[in-house]
PDB file of N, CA and C in Angstrom:
ATOM      1  N   MET A   1      20.847  -0.782  -4.161  1.00  0.00           N
ATOM      2  CA  MET A   1      19.484  -1.123  -4.544  1.00  0.00           C
ATOM      3  C   MET A   1      18.937  -2.156  -3.562  1.00  0.00           C
ATOM      4  N   ASN A   2      17.732  -1.880  -3.045  1.00  0.00           N
ATOM      5  CA  ASN A   2      17.144  -2.829  -2.099  1.00  0.00           C
ATOM      6  C   ASN A   2      16.184  -3.780  -2.820  1.00  0.00           C
ATOM      7  N   GLU A   3      15.581  -4.678  -2.060  1.00  0.00           N
ATOM      8  CA  GLU A   3      14.737  -5.706  -2.667  1.00  0.00           C
ATOM      9  C   GLU A   3      13.482  -5.141  -3.320  1.00  0.00           C
ATOM     10  N   ILE A   4      12.973  -4.020  -2.825  1.00  0.00           N
ATOM     11  CA  ILE A   4      11.795  -3.403  -3.442  1.00  0.00           C
ATOM     12  C   ILE A   4      12.181  -2.796  -4.788  1.00  0.00           C
ATOM     13  N   ASP A   5      13.329  -2.130  -4.839  1.00  0.00           N
ATOM     14  CA  ASP A   5      13.813  -1.579  -6.112  1.00  0.00           C
ATOM     15  C   ASP A   5      13.991  -2.693  -7.142  1.00  0.00           C
ATOM     16  N   GLU A   6      14.570  -3.799  -6.714  1.00  0.00           N
ATOM     17  CA  GLU A   6      14.776  -4.934  -7.613  1.00  0.00           C
ATOM     18  C   GLU A   6      13.444  -5.494  -8.100  1.00  0.00           C
ATOM     19  N   TYR A   7      12.475  -5.620  -7.201  1.00  0.00           N
ATOM     20  CA  TYR A   7      11.143  -6.102  -7.566  1.00  0.00           C
ATOM     21  C   TYR A   7      10.537  -5.186  -8.628  1.00  0.00           C
ATOM     22  N   MET A   8      10.623  -3.882  -8.399  1.00  0.00           N
ATOM     23  CA  MET A   8      10.021  -2.925  -9.322  1.00  0.00           C
ATOM     24  C   MET A   8      10.643  -3.037 -10.713  1.00  0.00           C
ATOM     25  N   GLN A   9      11.960  -3.106 -10.771  1.00  0.00           N
ATOM     26  CA  GLN A   9      12.640  -3.199 -12.064  1.00  0.00           C
ATOM     27  C   GLN A   9      12.316  -4.501 -12.784  1.00  0.00           C
ATOM     28  N   LYS A  10      12.207  -5.573 -12.041  1.00  0.00           N
ATOM     29  CA  LYS A  10      11.989  -6.888 -12.633  1.00  0.00           C
ATOM     30  C   LYS A  10      10.539  -7.122 -13.047  1.00  0.00           C
ATOM     31  N   HIS A  11       9.582  -6.619 -12.262  1.00  0.00           N
ATOM     32  CA  HIS A  11       8.181  -7.008 -12.442  1.00  0.00           C
ATOM     33  C   HIS A  11       7.220  -5.930 -12.930  1.00  0.00           C
ATOM     34  N   LEU A  12       7.607  -4.655 -12.860  1.00  0.00           N
ATOM     35  CA  LEU A  12       6.628  -3.595 -13.118  1.00  0.00           C
ATOM     36  C   LEU A  12       6.974  -2.742 -14.334  1.00  0.00           C
ATOM     37  N   PRO A  13       5.964  -2.431 -15.163  1.00  0.00           N
ATOM     38  CA  PRO A  13       6.186  -1.463 -16.244  1.00  0.00           C
ATOM     39  C   PRO A  13       6.367  -0.068 -15.636  1.00  0.00           C
ATOM     40  N   PRO A  14       6.923   0.857 -16.407  1.00  0.00           N
ATOM     41  CA  PRO A  14       7.229   2.187 -15.854  1.00  0.00           C
ATOM     42  C   PRO A  14       6.061   2.900 -15.172  1.00  0.00           C
ATOM     43  N   HIS A  15       4.850   2.852 -15.738  1.00  0.00           N
ATOM     44  CA  HIS A  15       3.748   3.581 -15.092  1.00  0.00           C
ATOM     45  C   HIS A  15       3.359   2.934 -13.763  1.00  0.00           C
ATOM     46  N   HIS A  16       3.536   1.632 -13.613  1.00  0.00           N
ATOM     47  CA  HIS A  16       3.281   0.992 -12.324  1.00  0.00           C
ATOM     48  C   HIS A  16       4.421   1.278 -11.348  1.00  0.00           C
ATOM     49  N   GLN A  17       5.644   1.394 -11.857  1.00  0.00           N
ATOM     50  CA  GLN A  17       6.765   1.779 -10.985  1.00  0.00           C
ATOM     51  C   GLN A  17       6.505   3.156 -10.384  1.00  0.00           C
ATOM     52  N   GLU A  18       5.929   4.050 -11.187  1.00  0.00           N
ATOM     53  CA  GLU A  18       5.625   5.394 -10.696  1.00  0.00           C
ATOM     54  C   GLU A  18       4.591   5.343  -9.572  1.00  0.00           C
ATOM     55  N   ILE A  19       3.591   4.496  -9.717  1.00  0.00           N
ATOM     56  CA  ILE A  19       2.566   4.332  -8.676  1.00  0.00           C
ATOM     57  C   ILE A  19       3.195   3.815  -7.388  1.00  0.00           C
ATOM     58  N   VAL A  20       4.021   2.778  -7.505  1.00  0.00           N
ATOM     59  CA  VAL A  20       4.659   2.199  -6.318  1.00  0.00           C
ATOM     60  C   VAL A  20       5.601   3.213  -5.670  1.00  0.00           C
ATOM     61  N   THR A  21       6.267   4.013  -6.451  1.00  0.00           N
ATOM     62  CA  THR A  21       7.147   5.049  -5.904  1.00  0.00           C
ATOM     63  C   THR A  21       6.338   6.048  -5.077  1.00  0.00           C
ATOM     64  N   ILE A  22       5.162   6.419  -5.554  1.00  0.00           N
ATOM     65  CA  ILE A  22       4.288   7.330  -4.802  1.00  0.00           C
ATOM     66  C   ILE A  22       3.874   6.690  -3.479  1.00  0.00           C
ATOM     67  N   VAL A  23       3.480   5.424  -3.531  1.00  0.00           N
ATOM     68  CA  VAL A  23       3.071   4.712  -2.311  1.00  0.00           C
ATOM     69  C   VAL A  23       4.245   4.630  -1.338  1.00  0.00           C
ATOM     70  N   ARG A  24       5.428   4.312  -1.845  1.00  0.00           N
ATOM     71  CA  ARG A  24       6.610   4.216  -0.975  1.00  0.00           C
ATOM     72  C   ARG A  24       6.883   5.550  -0.282  1.00  0.00           C
ATOM     73  N   THR A  25       6.763   6.636  -1.022  1.00  0.00           N
ATOM     74  CA  THR A  25       6.991   7.965  -0.455  1.00  0.00           C
ATOM     75  C   THR A  25       5.979   8.258   0.643  1.00  0.00           C
ATOM     76  N   LEU A  26       4.708   7.969   0.377  1.00  0.00           N
ATOM     77  CA  LEU A  26       3.673   8.200   1.388  1.00  0.00           C
ATOM     78  C   LEU A  26       3.919   7.353   2.631  1.00  0.00           C
ATOM     79  N   MET A  27       4.315   6.109   2.436  1.00  0.00           N
ATOM     80  CA  MET A  27       4.597   5.239   3.588  1.00  0.00           C
ATOM     81  C   MET A  27       5.774   5.775   4.407  1.00  0.00           C
ATOM     82  N   ARG A  28       6.817   6.241   3.727  1.00  0.00           N
ATOM     83  CA  ARG A  28       7.972   6.809   4.451  1.00  0.00           C
ATOM     84  C   ARG A  28       7.555   8.033   5.244  1.00  0.00           C
ATOM     85  N   GLU A  29       6.692   8.873   4.654  1.00  0.00           N
ATOM     86  CA  GLU A  29       6.262  10.099   5.328  1.00  0.00           C
ATOM     87  C   GLU A  29       5.314   9.822   6.483  1.00  0.00           C
ATOM     88  N   GLU A  30       4.371   8.920   6.281  1.00  0.00           N
ATOM     89  CA  GLU A  30       3.318   8.687   7.273  1.00  0.00           C
ATOM     90  C   GLU A  30       3.653   7.582   8.279  1.00  0.00           C
ATOM     91  N   ALA A  31       4.488   6.655   7.875  1.00  0.00           N
ATOM     92  CA  ALA A  31       4.832   5.514   8.741  1.00  0.00           C
ATOM     93  C   ALA A  31       6.341   5.276   8.698  1.00  0.00           C
ATOM     94  N   PRO A  32       7.119   6.261   9.162  1.00  0.00           N
ATOM     95  CA  PRO A  32       8.583   6.137   9.048  1.00  0.00           C
ATOM     96  C   PRO A  32       9.157   4.934   9.789  1.00  0.00           C
ATOM     97  N   GLU A  33       8.437   4.437  10.808  1.00  0.00           N
ATOM     98  CA  GLU A  33       8.941   3.274  11.546  1.00  0.00           C
ATOM     99  C   GLU A  33       8.639   1.957  10.840  1.00  0.00           C
ATOM    100  N   ALA A  34       7.784   2.001   9.832  1.00  0.00           N
ATOM    101  CA  ALA A  34       7.441   0.771   9.105  1.00  0.00           C
ATOM    102  C   ALA A  34       8.612   0.349   8.216  1.00  0.00           C
ATOM    103  N   GLN A  35       8.840  -0.923   8.193  1.00  0.00           N
ATOM    104  CA  GLN A  35       9.945  -1.487   7.420  1.00  0.00           C
ATOM    105  C   GLN A  35       9.431  -1.977   6.072  1.00  0.00           C
ATOM    106  N   GLU A  36      10.109  -1.551   5.009  1.00  0.00           N
ATOM    107  CA  GLU A  36       9.801  -2.097   3.684  1.00  0.00           C
ATOM    108  C   GLU A  36      10.365  -3.506   3.600  1.00  0.00           C
ATOM    109  N   THR A  37       9.583  -4.396   3.033  1.00  0.00           N
ATOM    110  CA  THR A  37      10.023  -5.775   2.933  1.00  0.00           C
ATOM    111  C   THR A  37       9.339  -6.448   1.748  1.00  0.00           C
ATOM    112  N   ILE A  38       9.715  -7.671   1.477  1.00  0.00           N
ATOM    113  CA  ILE A  38       8.991  -8.491   0.514  1.00  0.00           C
ATOM    114  C   ILE A  38       8.249  -9.550   1.335  1.00  0.00           C
ATOM    115  N   SER A  39       6.924  -9.589   1.162  1.00  0.00           N
ATOM    116  CA  SER A  39       6.104 -10.569   1.860  1.00  0.00           C
ATOM    117  C   SER A  39       5.226 -11.262   0.829  1.00  0.00           C
ATOM    118  N   ARG A  40       5.222 -12.567   0.854  1.00  0.00           N
ATOM    119  CA  ARG A  40       4.436 -13.337  -0.123  1.00  0.00           C
ATOM    120  C   ARG A  40       4.789 -12.957  -1.546  1.00  0.00           C
ATOM    121  N   GLY A  41       6.038 -12.609  -1.771  1.00  0.00           N
ATOM    122  CA  GLY A  41       6.519 -12.278  -3.111  1.00  0.00           C
ATOM    123  C   GLY A  41       6.214 -10.871  -3.584  1.00  0.00           C
ATOM    124  N   SER A  42       5.686 -10.017  -2.700  1.00  0.00           N
ATOM    125  CA  SER A  42       5.309  -8.662  -3.095  1.00  0.00           C
ATOM    126  C   SER A  42       5.842  -7.630  -2.104  1.00  0.00           C
ATOM    127  N   PRO A  43       5.999  -6.382  -2.562  1.00  0.00           N
ATOM    128  CA  PRO A  43       6.406  -5.322  -1.646  1.00  0.00           C
ATOM    129  C   PRO A  43       5.367  -5.139  -0.537  1.00  0.00           C
ATOM    130  N   ALA A  44       5.860  -4.932   0.677  1.00  0.00           N
ATOM    131  CA  ALA A  44       4.975  -4.789   1.833  1.00  0.00           C
ATOM    132  C   ALA A  44       5.636  -3.882   2.859  1.00  0.00           C
ATOM    133  N   TRP A  45       4.819  -3.462   3.821  1.00  0.00           N
ATOM    134  CA  TRP A  45       5.307  -2.640   4.928  1.00  0.00           C
ATOM    135  C   TRP A  45       4.878  -3.272   6.228  1.00  0.00           C
ATOM    136  N   LYS A  46       5.825  -3.337   7.141  1.00  0.00           N
ATOM    137  CA  LYS A  46       5.574  -3.996   8.413  1.00  0.00           C
ATOM    138  C   LYS A  46       6.040  -3.106   9.558  1.00  0.00           C
ATOM    139  N   ALA A  47       5.193  -2.973  10.576  1.00  0.00           N
ATOM    140  CA  ALA A  47       5.582  -2.342  11.839  1.00  0.00           C
ATOM    141  C   ALA A  47       5.581  -3.474  12.857  1.00  0.00           C
ATOM    142  N   ALA A  48       4.701  -3.436  13.859  1.00  0.00           N
ATOM    143  CA  ALA A  48       4.606  -4.583  14.762  1.00  0.00           C
ATOM    144  C   ALA A  48       4.098  -5.799  13.974  1.00  0.00           C
ATOM    145  N   LYS A  49       3.146  -5.541  13.079  1.00  0.00           N
ATOM    146  CA  LYS A  49       2.606  -6.572  12.183  1.00  0.00           C
ATOM    147  C   LYS A  49       2.572  -6.009  10.774  1.00  0.00           C
ATOM    148  N   LEU A  50       2.180  -6.817   9.826  1.00  0.00           N
ATOM    149  CA  LEU A  50       2.071  -6.379   8.442  1.00  0.00           C
ATOM    150  C   LEU A  50       0.988  -5.301   8.326  1.00  0.00           C
ATOM    151  N   LEU A  51       1.357  -4.158   7.755  1.00  0.00           N
ATOM    152  CA  LEU A  51       0.414  -3.040   7.584  1.00  0.00           C
ATOM    153  C   LEU A  51      -0.272  -3.084   6.234  1.00  0.00           C
ATOM    154  N   ALA A  52       0.542  -3.236   5.197  1.00  0.00           N
ATOM    155  CA  ALA A  52       0.017  -3.144   3.836  1.00  0.00           C
ATOM    156  C   ALA A  52       0.912  -3.928   2.891  1.00  0.00           C
ATOM    157  N   ILE A  53       0.320  -4.342   1.771  1.00  0.00           N
ATOM    158  CA  ILE A  53       1.058  -5.091   0.762  1.00  0.00           C
ATOM    159  C   ILE A  53       0.563  -4.672  -0.618  1.00  0.00           C
ATOM    160  N   ILE A  54       1.463  -4.707  -1.568  1.00  0.00           N
ATOM    161  CA  ILE A  54       1.136  -4.338  -2.944  1.00  0.00           C
ATOM    162  C   ILE A  54       1.054  -5.600  -3.784  1.00  0.00           C
ATOM    163  N   SER A  55       0.110  -5.621  -4.693  1.00  0.00           N
ATOM    164  CA  SER A  55       0.086  -6.677  -5.706  1.00  0.00           C
ATOM    165  C   SER A  55      -0.099  -6.018  -7.058  1.00  0.00           C
ATOM    166  N   ARG A  56       0.266  -6.729  -8.092  1.00  0.00           N
ATOM    167  CA  ARG A  56       0.230  -6.161  -9.434  1.00  0.00           C
ATOM    168  C   ARG A  56      -0.732  -6.935 -10.319  1.00  0.00           C
ATOM    169  N   SER A  57      -1.283  -6.236 -11.274  1.00  0.00           N
ATOM    170  CA  SER A  57      -2.057  -6.866 -12.340  1.00  0.00           C
ATOM    171  C   SER A  57      -1.650  -6.154 -13.627  1.00  0.00           C
ATOM    172  N   LYS A  58      -2.201  -6.568 -14.726  1.00  0.00           N
ATOM    173  CA  LYS A  58      -1.865  -5.916 -15.994  1.00  0.00           C
ATOM    174  C   LYS A  58      -2.358  -4.481 -16.045  1.00  0.00           C
ATOM    175  N   THR A  59      -3.463  -4.201 -15.355  1.00  0.00           N
ATOM    176  CA  THR A  59      -4.086  -2.887 -15.488  1.00  0.00           C
ATOM    177  C   THR A  59      -3.876  -1.947 -14.310  1.00  0.00           C
ATOM    178  N   HIS A  60      -3.447  -2.467 -13.155  1.00  0.00           N
ATOM    179  CA  HIS A  60      -3.343  -1.603 -11.980  1.00  0.00           C
ATOM    180  C   HIS A  60      -2.450  -2.228 -10.905  1.00  0.00           C
ATOM    181  N   ILE A  61      -2.193  -1.413  -9.904  1.00  0.00           N
ATOM    182  CA  ILE A  61      -1.515  -1.840  -8.679  1.00  0.00           C
ATOM    183  C   ILE A  61      -2.573  -1.850  -7.581  1.00  0.00           C
ATOM    184  N   THR A  62      -2.578  -2.886  -6.776  1.00  0.00           N
ATOM    185  CA  THR A  62      -3.482  -2.957  -5.640  1.00  0.00           C
ATOM    186  C   THR A  62      -2.682  -2.737  -4.359  1.00  0.00           C
ATOM    187  N   LEU A  63      -3.136  -1.811  -3.548  1.00  0.00           N
ATOM    188  CA  LEU A  63      -2.553  -1.573  -2.231  1.00  0.00           C
ATOM    189  C   LEU A  63      -3.555  -2.090  -1.211  1.00  0.00           C
ATOM    190  N   ALA A  64      -3.200  -3.197  -0.573  1.00  0.00           N
ATOM    191  CA  ALA A  64      -4.105  -3.836   0.387  1.00  0.00           C
ATOM    192  C   ALA A  64      -3.637  -3.565   1.808  1.00  0.00           C
ATOM    193  N   PHE A  65      -4.582  -3.170   2.643  1.00  0.00           N
ATOM    194  CA  PHE A  65      -4.307  -2.934   4.058  1.00  0.00           C
ATOM    195  C   PHE A  65      -4.802  -4.140   4.838  1.00  0.00           C
ATOM    196  N   THR A  66      -3.907  -4.747   5.613  1.00  0.00           N
ATOM    197  CA  THR A  66      -4.222  -6.016   6.267  1.00  0.00           C
ATOM    198  C   THR A  66      -5.359  -5.911   7.275  1.00  0.00           C
ATOM    199  N   ARG A  67      -5.580  -4.746   7.856  1.00  0.00           N
ATOM    200  CA  ARG A  67      -6.707  -4.570   8.791  1.00  0.00           C
ATOM    201  C   ARG A  67      -7.698  -3.535   8.255  1.00  0.00           C
ATOM    202  N   GLY A  68      -7.751  -3.413   6.954  1.00  0.00           N
ATOM    203  CA  GLY A  68      -8.586  -2.410   6.308  1.00  0.00           C
ATOM    204  C   GLY A  68     -10.070  -2.534   6.595  1.00  0.00           C
ATOM    205  N   ALA A  69     -10.531  -3.732   6.920  1.00  0.00           N
ATOM    206  CA  ALA A  69     -11.954  -3.918   7.234  1.00  0.00           C
ATOM    207  C   ALA A  69     -12.344  -3.139   8.494  1.00  0.00           C
ATOM    208  N   GLU A  70     -11.352  -2.767   9.302  1.00  0.00           N
ATOM    209  CA  GLU A  70     -11.612  -2.013  10.529  1.00  0.00           C
ATOM    210  C   GLU A  70     -11.541  -0.498  10.315  1.00  0.00           C
ATOM    211  N   PHE A  71     -11.151  -0.062   9.121  1.00  0.00           N
ATOM    212  CA  PHE A  71     -10.992   1.360   8.837  1.00  0.00           C
ATOM    213  C   PHE A  71     -12.346   2.052   8.711  1.00  0.00           C
ATOM    214  N   THR A  72     -12.364   3.354   9.002  1.00  0.00           N
ATOM    215  CA  THR A  72     -13.450   4.197   8.541  1.00  0.00           C
ATOM    216  C   THR A  72     -13.039   4.638   7.137  1.00  0.00           C
ATOM    217  N   ASP A  73     -14.000   4.846   6.271  1.00  0.00           N
ATOM    218  CA  ASP A  73     -13.668   5.146   4.873  1.00  0.00           C
ATOM    219  C   ASP A  73     -14.449   6.343   4.338  1.00  0.00           C
ATOM    220  N   PRO A  74     -14.166   7.541   4.850  1.00  0.00           N
ATOM    221  CA  PRO A  74     -14.874   8.713   4.344  1.00  0.00           C
ATOM    222  C   PRO A  74     -14.544   9.017   2.879  1.00  0.00           C
ATOM    223  N   HIS A  75     -13.430   8.490   2.371  1.00  0.00           N
ATOM    224  CA  HIS A  75     -13.030   8.731   0.980  1.00  0.00           C
ATOM    225  C   HIS A  75     -13.727   7.780   0.012  1.00  0.00           C
ATOM    226  N   GLY A  76     -14.246   6.665   0.514  1.00  0.00           N
ATOM    227  CA  GLY A  76     -14.974   5.721  -0.316  1.00  0.00           C
ATOM    228  C   GLY A  76     -14.143   4.979  -1.341  1.00  0.00           C
ATOM    229  N   LEU A  77     -12.854   4.819  -1.083  1.00  0.00           N
ATOM    230  CA  LEU A  77     -11.980   4.161  -2.056  1.00  0.00           C
ATOM    231  C   LEU A  77     -11.697   2.694  -1.744  1.00  0.00           C
ATOM    232  N   LEU A  78     -11.954   2.268  -0.522  1.00  0.00           N
ATOM    233  CA  LEU A  78     -11.615   0.901  -0.134  1.00  0.00           C
ATOM    234  C   LEU A  78     -12.572  -0.100  -0.770  1.00  0.00           C
ATOM    235  N   GLU A  79     -11.990  -1.191  -1.276  1.00  0.00           N
ATOM    236  CA  GLU A  79     -12.762  -2.268  -1.880  1.00  0.00           C
ATOM    237  C   GLU A  79     -12.462  -3.562  -1.141  1.00  0.00           C
ATOM    238  N   GLY A  80     -13.345  -4.538  -1.317  1.00  0.00           N
ATOM    239  CA  GLY A  80     -13.125  -5.857  -0.737  1.00  0.00           C
ATOM    240  C   GLY A  80     -14.224  -6.223   0.235  1.00  0.00           C
ATOM    241  N   LYS A  81     -14.383  -7.523   0.412  1.00  0.00           N
ATOM    242  CA  LYS A  81     -15.441  -8.023   1.272  1.00  0.00           C
ATOM    243  C   LYS A  81     -14.938  -9.033   2.312  1.00  0.00           C
ATOM    244  N   GLY A  82     -13.633  -9.249   2.370  1.00  0.00           N
ATOM    245  CA  GLY A  82     -13.085 -10.211   3.313  1.00  0.00           C
ATOM    246  C   GLY A  82     -13.248  -9.767   4.755  1.00  0.00           C
ATOM    247  N   LYS A  83     -12.898 -10.660   5.664  1.00  0.00           N
ATOM    248  CA  LYS A  83     -13.040 -10.370   7.093  1.00  0.00           C
ATOM    249  C   LYS A  83     -12.019  -9.359   7.595  1.00  0.00           C
ATOM    250  N   THR A  84     -10.851  -9.266   6.941  1.00  0.00           N
ATOM    251  CA  THR A  84      -9.803  -8.403   7.488  1.00  0.00           C
ATOM    252  C   THR A  84      -9.291  -7.343   6.522  1.00  0.00           C
ATOM    253  N   THR A  85      -8.990  -7.693   5.287  1.00  0.00           N
ATOM    254  CA  THR A  85      -8.321  -6.742   4.398  1.00  0.00           C
ATOM    255  C   THR A  85      -9.297  -5.921   3.575  1.00  0.00           C
ATOM    256  N   ARG A  86      -8.808  -4.758   3.161  1.00  0.00           N
ATOM    257  CA  ARG A  86      -9.463  -3.908   2.173  1.00  0.00           C
ATOM    258  C   ARG A  86      -8.348  -3.353   1.284  1.00  0.00           C
ATOM    259  N   HIS A  87      -8.687  -3.046   0.059  1.00  0.00           N
ATOM    260  CA  HIS A  87      -7.666  -2.573  -0.862  1.00  0.00           C
ATOM    261  C   HIS A  87      -8.142  -1.377  -1.680  1.00  0.00           C
ATOM    262  N   VAL A  88      -7.155  -0.702  -2.260  1.00  0.00           N
ATOM    263  CA  VAL A  88      -7.380   0.419  -3.162  1.00  0.00           C
ATOM    264  C   VAL A  88      -6.701   0.055  -4.475  1.00  0.00           C
ATOM    265  N   ARG A  89      -7.417   0.220  -5.582  1.00  0.00           N
ATOM    266  CA  ARG A  89      -6.828   0.001  -6.903  1.00  0.00           C
ATOM    267  C   ARG A  89      -6.243   1.315  -7.392  1.00  0.00           C
ATOM    268  N   LEU A  90      -4.995   1.268  -7.799  1.00  0.00           N
ATOM    269  CA  LEU A  90      -4.289   2.451  -8.268  1.00  0.00           C
ATOM    270  C   LEU A  90      -3.916   2.238  -9.733  1.00  0.00           C
ATOM    271  N   LYS A  91      -4.545   3.010 -10.629  1.00  0.00           N
ATOM    272  CA  LYS A  91      -4.344   2.807 -12.060  1.00  0.00           C
ATOM    273  C   LYS A  91      -3.521   3.909 -12.713  1.00  0.00           C
ATOM    274  N   ASP A  92      -3.717   5.136 -12.284  1.00  0.00           N
ATOM    275  CA  ASP A  92      -3.098   6.289 -12.927  1.00  0.00           C
ATOM    276  C   ASP A  92      -2.336   7.087 -11.869  1.00  0.00           C
ATOM    277  N   PRO A  93      -1.018   7.181 -12.012  1.00  0.00           N
ATOM    278  CA  PRO A  93      -0.244   7.890 -10.987  1.00  0.00           C
ATOM    279  C   PRO A  93      -0.661   9.350 -10.810  1.00  0.00           C
ATOM    280  N   THR A  94      -1.225   9.958 -11.840  1.00  0.00           N
ATOM    281  CA  THR A  94      -1.616  11.369 -11.732  1.00  0.00           C
ATOM    282  C   THR A  94      -2.944  11.539 -11.007  1.00  0.00           C
ATOM    283  N   LYS A  95      -3.680  10.441 -10.784  1.00  0.00           N
ATOM    284  CA  LYS A  95      -4.999  10.536 -10.157  1.00  0.00           C
ATOM    285  C   LYS A  95      -5.053   9.878  -8.778  1.00  0.00           C
ATOM    286  N   ILE A  96      -3.900   9.604  -8.196  1.00  0.00           N
ATOM    287  CA  ILE A  96      -3.874   8.995  -6.870  1.00  0.00           C
ATOM    288  C   ILE A  96      -4.313  10.012  -5.826  1.00  0.00           C
ATOM    289  N   ASP A  97      -5.268   9.628  -5.003  1.00  0.00           N
ATOM    290  CA  ASP A  97      -5.743  10.483  -3.916  1.00  0.00           C
ATOM    291  C   ASP A  97      -4.787  10.309  -2.727  1.00  0.00           C
ATOM    292  N   LYS A  98      -3.758  11.132  -2.710  1.00  0.00           N
ATOM    293  CA  LYS A  98      -2.711  10.999  -1.693  1.00  0.00           C
ATOM    294  C   LYS A  98      -3.254  11.234  -0.283  1.00  0.00           C
ATOM    295  N   GLU A  99      -4.182  12.166  -0.149  1.00  0.00           N
ATOM    296  CA  GLU A  99      -4.733  12.433   1.178  1.00  0.00           C
ATOM    297  C   GLU A  99      -5.509  11.228   1.694  1.00  0.00           C
ATOM    298  N   ALA A 100      -6.243  10.565   0.822  1.00  0.00           N
ATOM    299  CA  ALA A 100      -6.962   9.352   1.230  1.00  0.00           C
ATOM    300  C   ALA A 100      -5.960   8.277   1.651  1.00  0.00           C
ATOM    301  N   LEU A 101      -4.905   8.078   0.861  1.00  0.00           N
ATOM    302  CA  LEU A 101      -3.910   7.059   1.216  1.00  0.00           C
ATOM    303  C   LEU A 101      -3.228   7.412   2.534  1.00  0.00           C
ATOM    304  N   ARG A 102      -2.944   8.684   2.750  1.00  0.00           N
ATOM    305  CA  ARG A 102      -2.356   9.104   4.035  1.00  0.00           C
ATOM    306  C   ARG A 102      -3.282   8.731   5.194  1.00  0.00           C
ATOM    307  N   ALA A 103      -4.582   8.963   5.018  1.00  0.00           N
ATOM    308  CA  ALA A 103      -5.552   8.637   6.066  1.00  0.00           C
ATOM    309  C   ALA A 103      -5.580   7.131   6.324  1.00  0.00           C
ATOM    310  N   TYR A 104      -5.532   6.325   5.264  1.00  0.00           N
ATOM    311  CA  TYR A 104      -5.541   4.873   5.426  1.00  0.00           C
ATOM    312  C   TYR A 104      -4.260   4.390   6.112  1.00  0.00           C
ATOM    313  N   ILE A 105      -3.130   4.956   5.721  1.00  0.00           N
ATOM    314  CA  ILE A 105      -1.859   4.580   6.352  1.00  0.00           C
ATOM    315  C   ILE A 105      -1.895   4.927   7.840  1.00  0.00           C
ATOM    316  N   HIS A 106      -2.410   6.101   8.152  1.00  0.00           N
ATOM    317  CA  HIS A 106      -2.525   6.523   9.558  1.00  0.00           C
ATOM    318  C   HIS A 106      -3.407   5.539  10.341  1.00  0.00           C
ATOM    319  N   GLN A 107      -4.518   5.115   9.753  1.00  0.00           N
ATOM    320  CA  GLN A 107      -5.403   4.161  10.433  1.00  0.00           C
ATOM    321  C   GLN A 107      -4.699   2.816  10.613  1.00  0.00           C
ATOM    322  N   ALA A 108      -3.943   2.398   9.603  1.00  0.00           N
ATOM    323  CA  ALA A 108      -3.212   1.126   9.709  1.00  0.00           C
ATOM    324  C   ALA A 108      -2.224   1.178  10.869  1.00  0.00           C
ATOM    325  N   LEU A 109      -1.523   2.302  11.002  1.00  0.00           N
ATOM    326  CA  LEU A 109      -0.565   2.464  12.105  1.00  0.00           C
ATOM    327  C   LEU A 109      -1.265   2.485  13.460  1.00  0.00           C
ATOM    328  N   THR A 110      -2.365   3.201  13.539  1.00  0.00           N
ATOM    329  CA  THR A 110      -3.110   3.284  14.798  1.00  0.00           C
ATOM    330  C   THR A 110      -3.541   1.897  15.246  1.00  0.00           C
ATOM    331  N   LEU A 111      -4.088   1.101  14.340  1.00  0.00           N
ATOM    332  CA  LEU A 111      -4.509  -0.257  14.672  1.00  0.00           C
ATOM    333  C   LEU A 111      -3.313  -1.133  15.033  1.00  0.00           C
ATOM    334  N   ASP A 112      -2.198  -0.913  14.354  1.00  0.00           N
ATOM    335  CA  ASP A 112      -0.995  -1.700  14.629  1.00  0.00           C
ATOM    336  C   ASP A 112      -0.459  -1.440  16.035  1.00  0.00           C
ATOM    337  N   HIS A 113      -0.637  -0.223  16.521  1.00  0.00           N
ATOM    338  CA  HIS A 113      -0.128   0.153  17.847  1.00  0.00           C
ATOM    339  C   HIS A 113      -1.033  -0.306  18.993  1.00  0.00           C
ATOM    340  N   GLU A 114      -2.244  -0.772  18.660  1.00  0.00           N
ATOM    341  CA  GLU A 114      -3.166  -1.213  19.725  1.00  0.00           C
ATOM    342  C   GLU A 114      -2.746  -2.530  20.317  1.00  0.00           C
TER     343      GLU A 114
END
């Protein structure tokens, strides 16, 4: 069991664990070189720099992209007004737009490689 598995068991209810499992799978598929880690107390993915980080709330999981403000967003799912990050709120594992998340992960990797 790695540190992300331990985090999930300790901190997340089952429906949020399912959401994080989906995100982990997408990250492995789209960004196989990215390393899963714990950053700032939360699950995160890092390549050359931090790509994305997850945070939890009572009602949802937030997947924040560290350079999301630079993304194009044809899916219209990104939220936030900061200078650098944008996030997606994930509430229901059955309604996750996997294609949108794949596109965001791809953009995060492209920016990371620049």
